[in-house]
Amino acid sequence: MPIREFRYALTIALVSAALGGCAERPQQMEWSKSGASEQELRADRETCSALATNAVPVMPVVGPPSARAATLAAMQRQNDVLADCMKDKGWQLVPVAKPETN
């Protein structure tokens, strides 16, 4: 998995966990846009990820908790930039449909 996609997935997981609060299992979310293809999603996500990475550089930090907290805060800001970019392109985050169980 490329580092950019890993960072994106990690950020989404962290945000999902934070939004889930004390829930047993956080709701998984995915980007959706009516009539859009997987290729359009990948292209827009890549564009927005590059924009977010350039706007808010994140350097992995090994050190005291305050340094790690700053890195997590930067990752959150980066995720906000990515989300704003995706929304500007017409995408919205929606819950992943759960498979039906019989």
C-alpha atoms as a PDB file:
ATOM      1  CA  MET A   1       0.000   0.000   0.000  1.00  0.00           C
ATOM      2  CA  PRO A   2       1.522   3.370  -0.967  1.00  0.00           C
ATOM      3  CA  ILE A   3       2.320   5.675   1.962  1.00  0.00           C
ATOM      4  CA  ARG A   4      -0.263   8.221   0.835  1.00  0.00           C
ATOM      5  CA  GLU A   5      -3.071   5.648   0.851  1.00  0.00           C
ATOM      6  CA  PHE A   6      -1.831   4.258   4.172  1.00  0.00           C
ATOM      7  CA  ARG A   7      -1.856   7.739   5.689  1.00  0.00           C
ATOM      8  CA  TYR A   8      -5.340   8.348   4.299  1.00  0.00           C
ATOM      9  CA  ALA A   9      -6.629   5.042   5.667  1.00  0.00           C
ATOM     10  CA  LEU A  10      -5.006   5.686   9.045  1.00  0.00           C
ATOM     11  CA  THR A  11      -6.497   9.168   9.241  1.00  0.00           C
ATOM     12  CA  ILE A  12      -9.965   7.897   8.325  1.00  0.00           C
ATOM     13  CA  ALA A  13      -9.629   5.157  10.958  1.00  0.00           C
ATOM     14  CA  LEU A  14      -8.593   7.684  13.614  1.00  0.00           C
ATOM     15  CA  VAL A  15     -11.428  10.043  12.717  1.00  0.00           C
ATOM     16  CA  SER A  16     -13.920   7.179  12.648  1.00  0.00           C
ATOM     17  CA  ALA A  17     -12.755   6.023  16.063  1.00  0.00           C
ATOM     18  CA  ALA A  18     -12.991   9.545  17.471  1.00  0.00           C
ATOM     19  CA  LEU A  19     -16.466  10.090  16.029  1.00  0.00           C
ATOM     20  CA  GLY A  20     -17.596   6.697  17.278  1.00  0.00           C
ATOM     21  CA  GLY A  21     -16.914   7.685  20.869  1.00  0.00           C
ATOM     22  CA  CYS A  22     -17.777   4.789  23.116  1.00  0.00           C
ATOM     23  CA  ALA A  23     -19.605   2.847  20.439  1.00  0.00           C
ATOM     24  CA  GLU A  24     -18.731  -0.804  20.170  1.00  0.00           C
ATOM     25  CA  ARG A  25     -17.552  -0.475  16.605  1.00  0.00           C
ATOM     26  CA  PRO A  26     -17.115   2.762  14.683  1.00  0.00           C
ATOM     27  CA  GLN A  27     -19.226   3.185  11.568  1.00  0.00           C
ATOM     28  CA  GLN A  28     -17.103   2.766   8.465  1.00  0.00           C
ATOM     29  CA  MET A  29     -17.455   5.581   5.952  1.00  0.00           C
ATOM     30  CA  GLU A  30     -16.738   5.833   2.245  1.00  0.00           C
ATOM     31  CA  TRP A  31     -16.721   8.593  -0.364  1.00  0.00           C
ATOM     32  CA  SER A  32     -19.764   8.630  -2.643  1.00  0.00           C
ATOM     33  CA  LYS A  33     -20.727  10.718  -5.668  1.00  0.00           C
ATOM     34  CA  SER A  34     -23.714   9.939  -7.844  1.00  0.00           C
ATOM     35  CA  GLY A  35     -22.658   8.585 -11.206  1.00  0.00           C
ATOM     36  CA  ALA A  36     -18.927   8.635 -10.424  1.00  0.00           C
ATOM     37  CA  SER A  37     -16.640   5.741 -11.272  1.00  0.00           C
ATOM     38  CA  GLU A  38     -13.937   4.099  -9.138  1.00  0.00           C
ATOM     39  CA  GLN A  39     -11.366   5.759 -11.408  1.00  0.00           C
ATOM     40  CA  GLU A  40     -12.857   9.208 -10.698  1.00  0.00           C
ATOM     41  CA  LEU A  41     -12.778   8.473  -6.975  1.00  0.00           C
ATOM     42  CA  ARG A  42      -9.129   7.421  -7.138  1.00  0.00           C
ATOM     43  CA  ALA A  43      -8.161  10.458  -9.226  1.00  0.00           C
ATOM     44  CA  ASP A  44      -9.978  12.944  -6.979  1.00  0.00           C
ATOM     45  CA  ARG A  45      -8.692  11.273  -3.800  1.00  0.00           C
ATOM     46  CA  GLU A  46      -5.133  11.369  -5.147  1.00  0.00           C
ATOM     47  CA  THR A  47      -5.455  15.043  -6.107  1.00  0.00           C
ATOM     48  CA  CYS A  48      -6.948  15.969  -2.737  1.00  0.00           C
ATOM     49  CA  SER A  49      -4.409  13.870  -0.839  1.00  0.00           C
ATOM     50  CA  ALA A  50      -1.551  15.668  -2.620  1.00  0.00           C
ATOM     51  CA  LEU A  51      -3.149  19.027  -1.816  1.00  0.00           C
ATOM     52  CA  ALA A  52      -3.547  18.066   1.855  1.00  0.00           C
ATOM     53  CA  THR A  53       0.014  16.714   2.085  1.00  0.00           C
ATOM     54  CA  ASN A  54       1.433  19.916   0.613  1.00  0.00           C
ATOM     55  CA  ALA A  55      -0.802  22.155   2.734  1.00  0.00           C
ATOM     56  CA  VAL A  56      -0.048  20.418   6.047  1.00  0.00           C
ATOM     57  CA  PRO A  57       3.202  18.434   6.060  1.00  0.00           C
ATOM     58  CA  VAL A  58       3.283  15.697   8.701  1.00  0.00           C
ATOM     59  CA  MET A  59       6.570  14.366   9.967  1.00  0.00           C
ATOM     60  CA  PRO A  60       6.526  11.188  12.053  1.00  0.00           C
ATOM     61  CA  VAL A  61       7.809  12.030  15.509  1.00  0.00           C
ATOM     62  CA  VAL A  62       9.285   9.789  18.134  1.00  0.00           C
ATOM     63  CA  GLY A  63       9.477  11.655  21.363  1.00  0.00           C
ATOM     64  CA  PRO A  64       7.452  13.000  24.251  1.00  0.00           C
ATOM     65  CA  PRO A  65       3.658  12.855  24.194  1.00  0.00           C
ATOM     66  CA  SER A  66       3.460  16.543  23.264  1.00  0.00           C
ATOM     67  CA  ALA A  67       5.387  15.845  20.051  1.00  0.00           C
ATOM     68  CA  ARG A  68       3.145  12.909  19.188  1.00  0.00           C
ATOM     69  CA  ALA A  69       0.069  15.024  19.933  1.00  0.00           C
ATOM     70  CA  ALA A  70       1.313  17.681  17.517  1.00  0.00           C
ATOM     71  CA  THR A  71       1.740  15.017  14.829  1.00  0.00           C
ATOM     72  CA  LEU A  72      -1.801  13.722  15.416  1.00  0.00           C
ATOM     73  CA  ALA A  73      -3.157  17.286  15.277  1.00  0.00           C
ATOM     74  CA  ALA A  74      -1.361  17.861  11.968  1.00  0.00           C
ATOM     75  CA  MET A  75      -2.791  14.600  10.630  1.00  0.00           C
ATOM     76  CA  GLN A  76      -6.281  15.795  11.604  1.00  0.00           C
ATOM     77  CA  ARG A  77      -5.718  19.147   9.846  1.00  0.00           C
ATOM     78  CA  GLN A  78      -4.463  17.253   6.801  1.00  0.00           C
ATOM     79  CA  ASN A  79      -7.598  15.091   6.849  1.00  0.00           C
ATOM     80  CA  ASP A  80      -9.768  18.221   7.083  1.00  0.00           C
ATOM     81  CA  VAL A  81      -8.069  19.689   3.991  1.00  0.00           C
ATOM     82  CA  LEU A  82      -8.563  16.398   2.133  1.00  0.00           C
ATOM     83  CA  ALA A  83     -12.242  16.210   3.148  1.00  0.00           C
ATOM     84  CA  ASP A  84     -12.900  19.834   2.124  1.00  0.00           C
ATOM     85  CA  CYS A  85     -11.267  19.174  -1.255  1.00  0.00           C
ATOM     86  CA  MET A  86     -13.341  16.028  -1.834  1.00  0.00           C
ATOM     87  CA  LYS A  87     -16.540  17.864  -0.874  1.00  0.00           C
ATOM     88  CA  ASP A  88     -15.624  20.695  -3.277  1.00  0.00           C
ATOM     89  CA  LYS A  89     -15.421  18.044  -6.012  1.00  0.00           C
ATOM     90  CA  GLY A  90     -18.948  16.842  -5.172  1.00  0.00           C
ATOM     91  CA  TRP A  91     -18.124  13.829  -2.976  1.00  0.00           C
ATOM     92  CA  GLN A  92     -19.732  13.105   0.368  1.00  0.00           C
ATOM     93  CA  LEU A  93     -18.872  10.680   3.144  1.00  0.00           C
ATOM     94  CA  VAL A  94     -21.590   8.094   3.646  1.00  0.00           C
ATOM     95  CA  PRO A  95     -21.810   5.019   5.881  1.00  0.00           C
ATOM     96  CA  VAL A  96     -20.624   1.809   4.266  1.00  0.00           C
ATOM     97  CA  ALA A  97     -23.612  -0.392   3.541  1.00  0.00           C
ATOM     98  CA  LYS A  98     -23.653  -3.410   5.806  1.00  0.00           C
ATOM     99  CA  PRO A  99     -24.076  -6.758   4.064  1.00  0.00           C
ATOM    100  CA  GLU A 100     -27.398  -8.403   4.722  1.00  0.00           C
ATOM    101  CA  THR A 101     -27.313 -11.414   7.024  1.00  0.00           C
ATOM    102  CA  ASN A 102     -29.834 -14.199   6.678  1.00  0.00           C
END
